[in-house]
Amino acid sequence: MRRIKLVVAYDGTNYCGWQVQPNGVSIQSVLQQAIEDLVGEKIMLTGASRTDSGVHALGQVAVFDTNKMNIPDWKFAMAINQRLPKDIVVQSSEDVAGDFHPRYCDTVKTYKYKILNRRQALPNERLYSYFVPQKLDIEAMEEAGKLLVGTHDFRNFCSMKTTAESTVRTIYTLDFDRSGDMITMTVTGDGFLYNMVRIITGTLLKVGFGQKTGNDIVKALESKERMIAGPTAPAHGLTLVEIKYPGQS
């Protein structure tokens, strides 16, 4: 038996999210079927992050166990891709230790959220960024975002559906970059709660509109009231960029 680690990119537009769901087609189910067609046996595919419906990825990590011994580890990516639709692509594949688990170990995760900030929408960006026609105060958003950096209880920055035992997380960096009409928020941390990045985005957008301040960020971290934080930004602006594991540079 061997364990294969995959790094997967996907356009989440046409899927109900990563995890298998009874009411739609998921990334996990499509990818798992392609792997089973290749190896000729039933497998269980385990992902590092359960991205929501419409969320995209460049660096999702997943593993599966197989008895297939005659395929070099790096060739799994090529062989699986031949069996996948064009909106899911395995970027790399490698053998890992049998006890490696993509979720239950220390990681550094990076997400990007794209905001198209102009008077009129662009049709070619509609699936990959959140269109905001109002003027945004990026400097205010950046300053407010700094208050979220560090180790905090993010219970007010996650969905009530979260099943996490602890809502304490550490954000290492949170930065904004503007290129033309596109604003990109990049956030890196040791892990993120259900909808956490999208709620952070929605909260900082309220700051950008002048409807919230840095004081509201502090109150949201200290209070037990979810409503003090902002709304959940739409899924399609979010991309899981990278997951780093111990030993990776």
C-alpha atoms as a PDB file:
ATOM      1  CA  MET A   1       0.000   0.000   0.000  1.00  0.00           C
ATOM      2  CA  ARG A   2       1.241   3.492  -0.815  1.00  0.00           C
ATOM      3  CA  ARG A   3      -0.069   6.970  -0.054  1.00  0.00           C
ATOM      4  CA  ILE A   4      -0.118   9.534  -2.849  1.00  0.00           C
ATOM      5  CA  LYS A   5      -0.261  13.277  -2.214  1.00  0.00           C
ATOM      6  CA  LEU A   6      -1.832  15.492  -4.877  1.00  0.00           C
ATOM      7  CA  VAL A   7      -1.761  19.263  -5.348  1.00  0.00           C
ATOM      8  CA  VAL A   8      -4.936  20.232  -7.178  1.00  0.00           C
ATOM      9  CA  ALA A   9      -6.159  23.381  -8.941  1.00  0.00           C
ATOM     10  CA  TYR A  10      -9.789  23.895  -9.870  1.00  0.00           C
ATOM     11  CA  ASP A  11     -12.405  26.353 -11.003  1.00  0.00           C
ATOM     12  CA  GLY A  12     -15.149  25.900  -8.423  1.00  0.00           C
ATOM     13  CA  THR A  13     -17.901  27.558 -10.463  1.00  0.00           C
ATOM     14  CA  ASN A  14     -19.747  24.400 -11.489  1.00  0.00           C
ATOM     15  CA  TYR A  15     -19.328  22.470  -8.236  1.00  0.00           C
ATOM     16  CA  CYS A  16     -21.030  22.338  -4.852  1.00  0.00           C
ATOM     17  CA  GLY A  17     -17.655  22.653  -3.138  1.00  0.00           C
ATOM     18  CA  TRP A  18     -14.836  20.256  -2.364  1.00  0.00           C
ATOM     19  CA  GLN A  19     -16.666  17.781  -0.163  1.00  0.00           C
ATOM     20  CA  VAL A  20     -19.062  15.132  -1.458  1.00  0.00           C
ATOM     21  CA  GLN A  21     -22.646  16.376  -1.127  1.00  0.00           C
ATOM     22  CA  PRO A  22     -25.988  14.615  -1.731  1.00  0.00           C
ATOM     23  CA  ASN A  23     -27.371  17.572  -3.685  1.00  0.00           C
ATOM     24  CA  GLY A  24     -24.681  18.298  -6.260  1.00  0.00           C
ATOM     25  CA  VAL A  25     -21.426  17.419  -7.972  1.00  0.00           C
ATOM     26  CA  SER A  26     -18.326  18.058  -5.853  1.00  0.00           C
ATOM     27  CA  ILE A  27     -14.637  18.376  -6.695  1.00  0.00           C
ATOM     28  CA  GLN A  28     -13.886  15.433  -4.403  1.00  0.00           C
ATOM     29  CA  SER A  29     -16.360  13.102  -6.105  1.00  0.00           C
ATOM     30  CA  VAL A  30     -15.155  13.893  -9.633  1.00  0.00           C
ATOM     31  CA  LEU A  31     -11.494  13.571  -8.699  1.00  0.00           C
ATOM     32  CA  GLN A  32     -12.074  10.395  -6.701  1.00  0.00           C
ATOM     33  CA  GLN A  33     -13.873   8.754  -9.636  1.00  0.00           C
ATOM     34  CA  ALA A  34     -11.000   9.652 -11.987  1.00  0.00           C
ATOM     35  CA  ILE A  35      -8.483   8.082  -9.598  1.00  0.00           C
ATOM     36  CA  GLU A  36     -10.576   4.929  -9.199  1.00  0.00           C
ATOM     37  CA  ASP A  37     -10.807   4.600 -12.980  1.00  0.00           C
ATOM     38  CA  LEU A  38      -7.014   4.777 -13.121  1.00  0.00           C
ATOM     39  CA  VAL A  39      -6.061   2.435 -10.277  1.00  0.00           C
ATOM     40  CA  GLY A  40      -8.935  -0.022 -10.684  1.00  0.00           C
ATOM     41  CA  GLU A  41      -9.922  -0.034  -7.028  1.00  0.00           C
ATOM     42  CA  LYS A  42     -12.057   1.936  -4.601  1.00  0.00           C
ATOM     43  CA  ILE A  43     -10.183   4.719  -2.831  1.00  0.00           C
ATOM     44  CA  MET A  44     -10.963   7.371  -0.239  1.00  0.00           C
ATOM     45  CA  LEU A  45      -9.727  10.839  -1.190  1.00  0.00           C
ATOM     46  CA  THR A  46      -9.044  13.195   1.722  1.00  0.00           C
ATOM     47  CA  GLY A  47      -8.595  16.933   1.171  1.00  0.00           C
ATOM     48  CA  ALA A  48      -6.861  19.523   3.303  1.00  0.00           C
ATOM     49  CA  SER A  49      -9.519  22.229   2.972  1.00  0.00           C
ATOM     50  CA  ARG A  50     -13.264  21.843   2.480  1.00  0.00           C
ATOM     51  CA  THR A  51     -13.758  24.774   0.132  1.00  0.00           C
ATOM     52  CA  ASP A  52     -17.336  25.992  -0.359  1.00  0.00           C
ATOM     53  CA  SER A  53     -19.460  25.996  -3.485  1.00  0.00           C
ATOM     54  CA  GLY A  54     -17.995  28.419  -6.019  1.00  0.00           C
ATOM     55  CA  VAL A  55     -14.622  28.794  -4.292  1.00  0.00           C
ATOM     56  CA  HIS A  56     -11.563  28.188  -6.470  1.00  0.00           C
ATOM     57  CA  ALA A  57      -8.158  26.645  -5.735  1.00  0.00           C
ATOM     58  CA  LEU A  58      -4.636  26.687  -7.042  1.00  0.00           C
ATOM     59  CA  GLY A  59      -3.066  24.606  -4.287  1.00  0.00           C
ATOM     60  CA  GLN A  60      -5.590  22.279  -2.677  1.00  0.00           C
ATOM     61  CA  VAL A  61      -3.859  19.221  -1.176  1.00  0.00           C
ATOM     62  CA  ALA A  62      -5.375  15.730  -1.081  1.00  0.00           C
ATOM     63  CA  VAL A  63      -4.182  12.172  -0.433  1.00  0.00           C
ATOM     64  CA  PHE A  64      -5.330   8.661  -1.248  1.00  0.00           C
ATOM     65  CA  ASP A  65      -4.041   5.137  -0.608  1.00  0.00           C
ATOM     66  CA  THR A  66      -3.598   2.626  -3.391  1.00  0.00           C
ATOM     67  CA  ASN A  67      -2.142  -0.793  -4.134  1.00  0.00           C
ATOM     68  CA  LYS A  68      -1.128   0.375  -7.614  1.00  0.00           C
ATOM     69  CA  MET A  69       2.639  -0.077  -7.691  1.00  0.00           C
ATOM     70  CA  ASN A  70       3.555   0.175 -11.368  1.00  0.00           C
ATOM     71  CA  ILE A  71       3.029   3.937 -11.763  1.00  0.00           C
ATOM     72  CA  PRO A  72       5.832   6.309 -10.690  1.00  0.00           C
ATOM     73  CA  ASP A  73       4.502   8.825  -8.196  1.00  0.00           C
ATOM     74  CA  TRP A  74       5.016  11.856 -10.454  1.00  0.00           C
ATOM     75  CA  LYS A  75       3.087  10.190 -13.292  1.00  0.00           C
ATOM     76  CA  PHE A  76      -0.127   9.947 -11.300  1.00  0.00           C
ATOM     77  CA  ALA A  77      -0.820  13.630 -12.026  1.00  0.00           C
ATOM     78  CA  MET A  78      -0.585  13.137 -15.785  1.00  0.00           C
ATOM     79  CA  ALA A  79      -2.638   9.949 -15.777  1.00  0.00           C
ATOM     80  CA  ILE A  80      -5.397  11.361 -13.551  1.00  0.00           C
ATOM     81  CA  ASN A  81      -5.632  14.554 -15.624  1.00  0.00           C
ATOM     82  CA  GLN A  82      -6.466  12.505 -18.703  1.00  0.00           C
ATOM     83  CA  ARG A  83      -9.637  11.419 -16.899  1.00  0.00           C
ATOM     84  CA  LEU A  84     -10.703  14.824 -15.536  1.00  0.00           C
ATOM     85  CA  PRO A  85     -12.779  17.697 -16.938  1.00  0.00           C
ATOM     86  CA  LYS A  86     -10.786  20.781 -17.900  1.00  0.00           C
ATOM     87  CA  ASP A  87     -11.827  22.750 -14.803  1.00  0.00           C
ATOM     88  CA  ILE A  88      -9.942  20.376 -12.469  1.00  0.00           C
ATOM     89  CA  VAL A  89      -6.204  19.789 -12.920  1.00  0.00           C
ATOM     90  CA  VAL A  90      -3.762  17.877 -10.709  1.00  0.00           C
ATOM     91  CA  GLN A  91      -0.618  20.002 -10.560  1.00  0.00           C
ATOM     92  CA  SER A  92       1.697  17.426  -8.982  1.00  0.00           C
ATOM     93  CA  SER A  93       1.732  14.006  -7.326  1.00  0.00           C
ATOM     94  CA  GLU A  94       4.192  12.311  -4.993  1.00  0.00           C
ATOM     95  CA  ASP A  95       4.572   9.411  -2.576  1.00  0.00           C
ATOM     96  CA  VAL A  96       4.327  10.414   1.090  1.00  0.00           C
ATOM     97  CA  ALA A  97       4.587   8.580   4.382  1.00  0.00           C
ATOM     98  CA  GLY A  98       1.634   6.397   5.316  1.00  0.00           C
ATOM     99  CA  ASP A  99       0.849   8.542   8.366  1.00  0.00           C
ATOM    100  CA  PHE A 100       0.766  11.836   6.460  1.00  0.00           C
ATOM    101  CA  HIS A 101      -2.633  13.509   6.781  1.00  0.00           C
ATOM    102  CA  PRO A 102      -3.373  16.741   4.894  1.00  0.00           C
ATOM    103  CA  ARG A 103      -5.508  18.218   7.709  1.00  0.00           C
ATOM    104  CA  TYR A 104      -4.101  16.914  10.970  1.00  0.00           C
ATOM    105  CA  CYS A 105      -0.678  18.526  10.953  1.00  0.00           C
ATOM    106  CA  ASP A 106       0.790  22.010  11.113  1.00  0.00           C
ATOM    107  CA  THR A 107       0.168  24.007   7.961  1.00  0.00           C
ATOM    108  CA  VAL A 108       0.408  27.533   6.612  1.00  0.00           C
ATOM    109  CA  LYS A 109      -2.526  28.356   4.344  1.00  0.00           C
ATOM    110  CA  THR A 110      -2.812  31.274   1.949  1.00  0.00           C
ATOM    111  CA  TYR A 111      -6.031  32.585   0.427  1.00  0.00           C
ATOM    112  CA  LYS A 112      -6.671  35.440  -1.985  1.00  0.00           C
ATOM    113  CA  TYR A 113      -9.907  37.357  -2.359  1.00  0.00           C
ATOM    114  CA  LYS A 114     -10.351  39.469  -5.506  1.00  0.00           C
ATOM    115  CA  ILE A 115     -12.563  42.554  -5.649  1.00  0.00           C
ATOM    116  CA  LEU A 116     -13.310  44.252  -8.966  1.00  0.00           C
ATOM    117  CA  ASN A 117     -13.698  47.917  -8.030  1.00  0.00           C
ATOM    118  CA  ARG A 118     -14.969  49.972 -10.961  1.00  0.00           C
ATOM    119  CA  ARG A 119     -18.194  51.565 -12.177  1.00  0.00           C
ATOM    120  CA  GLN A 120     -19.168  48.759 -14.531  1.00  0.00           C
ATOM    121  CA  ALA A 121     -18.676  45.011 -14.236  1.00  0.00           C
ATOM    122  CA  LEU A 122     -16.402  43.013 -16.536  1.00  0.00           C
ATOM    123  CA  PRO A 123     -17.995  39.802 -17.834  1.00  0.00           C
ATOM    124  CA  ASN A 124     -14.690  37.898 -17.973  1.00  0.00           C
ATOM    125  CA  GLU A 125     -14.122  38.560 -14.255  1.00  0.00           C
ATOM    126  CA  ARG A 126     -17.624  37.748 -13.038  1.00  0.00           C
ATOM    127  CA  LEU A 127     -16.784  34.217 -11.880  1.00  0.00           C
ATOM    128  CA  TYR A 128     -13.474  35.031 -10.184  1.00  0.00           C
ATOM    129  CA  SER A 129     -13.943  38.358  -8.405  1.00  0.00           C
ATOM    130  CA  TYR A 130     -16.602  40.237  -6.438  1.00  0.00           C
ATOM    131  CA  PHE A 131     -17.833  43.308  -8.314  1.00  0.00           C
ATOM    132  CA  VAL A 132     -18.047  46.399  -6.091  1.00  0.00           C
ATOM    133  CA  PRO A 133     -18.970  49.638  -7.900  1.00  0.00           C
ATOM    134  CA  GLN A 134     -18.704  51.905  -4.821  1.00  0.00           C
ATOM    135  CA  LYS A 135     -15.473  53.730  -4.071  1.00  0.00           C
ATOM    136  CA  LEU A 136     -13.370  51.929  -1.447  1.00  0.00           C
ATOM    137  CA  ASP A 137     -10.934  53.402   1.073  1.00  0.00           C
ATOM    138  CA  ILE A 138      -8.148  50.835   0.687  1.00  0.00           C
ATOM    139  CA  GLU A 139      -5.910  52.547   3.240  1.00  0.00           C
ATOM    140  CA  ALA A 140      -8.623  52.228   5.889  1.00  0.00           C
ATOM    141  CA  MET A 141      -9.120  48.568   4.970  1.00  0.00           C
ATOM    142  CA  GLU A 142      -5.390  47.910   5.275  1.00  0.00           C
ATOM    143  CA  GLU A 143      -5.197  49.560   8.705  1.00  0.00           C
ATOM    144  CA  ALA A 144      -8.239  47.665   9.958  1.00  0.00           C
ATOM    145  CA  GLY A 145      -6.843  44.428   8.569  1.00  0.00           C
ATOM    146  CA  LYS A 146      -3.712  44.818  10.689  1.00  0.00           C
ATOM    147  CA  LEU A 147      -5.888  44.454  13.789  1.00  0.00           C
ATOM    148  CA  LEU A 148      -6.739  40.888  12.710  1.00  0.00           C
ATOM    149  CA  VAL A 149      -3.082  39.836  12.420  1.00  0.00           C
ATOM    150  CA  GLY A 150      -1.941  37.680  15.322  1.00  0.00           C
ATOM    151  CA  THR A 151      -3.599  35.006  17.456  1.00  0.00           C
ATOM    152  CA  HIS A 152      -7.256  35.719  18.232  1.00  0.00           C
ATOM    153  CA  ASP A 153     -10.549  34.024  18.927  1.00  0.00           C
ATOM    154  CA  PHE A 154     -12.297  34.383  15.570  1.00  0.00           C
ATOM    155  CA  ARG A 155     -15.676  33.049  16.742  1.00  0.00           C
ATOM    156  CA  ASN A 156     -17.417  36.104  15.263  1.00  0.00           C
ATOM    157  CA  PHE A 157     -15.625  35.663  11.955  1.00  0.00           C
ATOM    158  CA  CYS A 158     -16.955  32.216  11.132  1.00  0.00           C
ATOM    159  CA  SER A 159     -20.241  30.617  10.207  1.00  0.00           C
ATOM    160  CA  MET A 160     -22.428  29.199  12.955  1.00  0.00           C
ATOM    161  CA  LYS A 161     -22.174  25.914  11.027  1.00  0.00           C
ATOM    162  CA  THR A 162     -18.532  25.497  12.052  1.00  0.00           C
ATOM    163  CA  THR A 163     -17.713  22.230  13.826  1.00  0.00           C
ATOM    164  CA  ALA A 164     -14.254  23.314  15.009  1.00  0.00           C
ATOM    165  CA  GLU A 165     -13.419  22.466  18.624  1.00  0.00           C
ATOM    166  CA  SER A 166     -11.569  25.780  18.980  1.00  0.00           C
ATOM    167  CA  THR A 167     -12.160  29.079  17.167  1.00  0.00           C
ATOM    168  CA  VAL A 168      -8.701  30.415  18.009  1.00  0.00           C
ATOM    169  CA  ARG A 169      -6.537  30.899  14.931  1.00  0.00           C
ATOM    170  CA  THR A 170      -3.373  32.809  14.013  1.00  0.00           C
ATOM    171  CA  ILE A 171      -3.176  35.128  11.024  1.00  0.00           C
ATOM    172  CA  TYR A 172       0.418  35.793   9.978  1.00  0.00           C
ATOM    173  CA  THR A 173      -0.144  38.381   7.266  1.00  0.00           C
ATOM    174  CA  LEU A 174      -3.102  40.228   5.730  1.00  0.00           C
ATOM    175  CA  ASP A 175      -2.293  42.524   2.825  1.00  0.00           C
ATOM    176  CA  PHE A 176      -4.050  44.432   0.069  1.00  0.00           C
ATOM    177  CA  ASP A 177      -2.770  45.095  -3.429  1.00  0.00           C
ATOM    178  CA  ARG A 178      -4.426  47.188  -6.129  1.00  0.00           C
ATOM    179  CA  SER A 179      -3.634  46.713  -9.814  1.00  0.00           C
ATOM    180  CA  GLY A 180      -5.841  48.896 -11.974  1.00  0.00           C
ATOM    181  CA  ASP A 181      -9.448  48.119 -11.021  1.00  0.00           C
ATOM    182  CA  MET A 182      -8.615  44.850  -9.233  1.00  0.00           C
ATOM    183  CA  ILE A 183      -8.069  44.771  -5.483  1.00  0.00           C
ATOM    184  CA  THR A 184      -6.603  41.571  -4.054  1.00  0.00           C
ATOM    185  CA  MET A 185      -6.604  40.717  -0.370  1.00  0.00           C
ATOM    186  CA  THR A 186      -4.035  38.054   0.548  1.00  0.00           C
ATOM    187  CA  VAL A 187      -4.279  36.408   3.950  1.00  0.00           C
ATOM    188  CA  THR A 188      -1.974  33.762   5.394  1.00  0.00           C
ATOM    189  CA  GLY A 189      -2.523  31.853   8.615  1.00  0.00           C
ATOM    190  CA  ASP A 190      -2.230  28.560  10.445  1.00  0.00           C
ATOM    191  CA  GLY A 191      -5.788  27.648   9.510  1.00  0.00           C
ATOM    192  CA  PHE A 192      -9.182  29.168   8.821  1.00  0.00           C
ATOM    193  CA  LEU A 193     -12.652  28.514  10.164  1.00  0.00           C
ATOM    194  CA  TYR A 194     -15.742  27.892   8.041  1.00  0.00           C
ATOM    195  CA  ASN A 195     -16.361  31.088   5.985  1.00  0.00           C
ATOM    196  CA  MET A 196     -13.684  32.946   7.978  1.00  0.00           C
ATOM    197  CA  VAL A 197     -11.886  34.564   5.033  1.00  0.00           C
ATOM    198  CA  ARG A 198     -15.174  35.582   3.416  1.00  0.00           C
ATOM    199  CA  ILE A 199     -16.441  37.177   6.651  1.00  0.00           C
ATOM    200  CA  ILE A 200     -13.130  38.992   7.118  1.00  0.00           C
ATOM    201  CA  THR A 201     -13.517  40.290   3.563  1.00  0.00           C
ATOM    202  CA  GLY A 202     -17.108  41.377   4.147  1.00  0.00           C
ATOM    203  CA  THR A 203     -16.104  43.158   7.357  1.00  0.00           C
ATOM    204  CA  LEU A 204     -13.191  45.004   5.757  1.00  0.00           C
ATOM    205  CA  LEU A 205     -15.396  46.016   2.838  1.00  0.00           C
ATOM    206  CA  LYS A 206     -17.689  47.701   5.373  1.00  0.00           C
ATOM    207  CA  VAL A 207     -14.623  49.606   6.558  1.00  0.00           C
ATOM    208  CA  GLY A 208     -13.840  50.521   2.960  1.00  0.00           C
ATOM    209  CA  PHE A 209     -17.385  51.902   2.577  1.00  0.00           C
ATOM    210  CA  GLY A 210     -16.954  53.996   5.734  1.00  0.00           C
ATOM    211  CA  GLN A 211     -19.630  51.972   7.538  1.00  0.00           C
ATOM    212  CA  LYS A 212     -17.268  50.392  10.077  1.00  0.00           C
ATOM    213  CA  THR A 213     -13.975  51.373  11.716  1.00  0.00           C
ATOM    214  CA  GLY A 214     -11.025  49.696  13.354  1.00  0.00           C
ATOM    215  CA  ASN A 215     -12.886  49.968  16.666  1.00  0.00           C
ATOM    216  CA  ASP A 216     -15.576  47.704  15.234  1.00  0.00           C
ATOM    217  CA  ILE A 217     -12.899  45.129  14.363  1.00  0.00           C
ATOM    218  CA  VAL A 218     -11.672  45.154  17.954  1.00  0.00           C
ATOM    219  CA  LYS A 219     -15.252  44.857  19.253  1.00  0.00           C
ATOM    220  CA  ALA A 220     -15.933  41.954  16.896  1.00  0.00           C
ATOM    221  CA  LEU A 221     -12.890  40.104  18.252  1.00  0.00           C
ATOM    222  CA  GLU A 222     -13.840  40.764  21.863  1.00  0.00           C
ATOM    223  CA  SER A 223     -17.629  40.412  21.675  1.00  0.00           C
ATOM    224  CA  LYS A 224     -19.830  37.340  21.543  1.00  0.00           C
ATOM    225  CA  GLU A 225     -22.137  39.031  19.015  1.00  0.00           C
ATOM    226  CA  ARG A 226     -21.657  37.774  15.433  1.00  0.00           C
ATOM    227  CA  MET A 227     -23.532  40.790  14.037  1.00  0.00           C
ATOM    228  CA  ILE A 228     -20.721  43.187  14.986  1.00  0.00           C
ATOM    229  CA  ALA A 229     -18.565  41.693  12.236  1.00  0.00           C
ATOM    230  CA  GLY A 230     -19.534  42.200   8.608  1.00  0.00           C
ATOM    231  CA  PRO A 231     -21.455  40.015   6.140  1.00  0.00           C
ATOM    232  CA  THR A 232     -20.069  36.982   4.327  1.00  0.00           C
ATOM    233  CA  ALA A 233     -18.582  38.034   0.992  1.00  0.00           C
ATOM    234  CA  PRO A 234     -19.579  35.923  -2.052  1.00  0.00           C
ATOM    235  CA  ALA A 235     -17.693  32.668  -2.612  1.00  0.00           C
ATOM    236  CA  HIS A 236     -16.592  33.255  -6.207  1.00  0.00           C
ATOM    237  CA  GLY A 237     -14.014  35.920  -5.273  1.00  0.00           C
ATOM    238  CA  LEU A 238     -12.072  33.470  -3.099  1.00  0.00           C
ATOM    239  CA  THR A 239      -9.172  31.226  -4.119  1.00  0.00           C
ATOM    240  CA  LEU A 240      -7.173  28.802  -1.974  1.00  0.00           C
ATOM    241  CA  VAL A 241      -3.677  29.614  -3.213  1.00  0.00           C
ATOM    242  CA  GLU A 242      -1.309  27.412  -1.254  1.00  0.00           C
ATOM    243  CA  ILE A 243      -0.928  25.039   1.675  1.00  0.00           C
ATOM    244  CA  LYS A 244       2.559  24.628   3.113  1.00  0.00           C
ATOM    245  CA  TYR A 245       3.597  21.751   5.359  1.00  0.00           C
ATOM    246  CA  PRO A 246       6.556  21.416   7.757  1.00  0.00           C
ATOM    247  CA  GLY A 247       9.809  21.217   5.830  1.00  0.00           C
ATOM    248  CA  GLN A 248       8.525  23.163   2.835  1.00  0.00           C
ATOM    249  CA  SER A 249      10.290  26.438   2.043  1.00  0.00           C
END
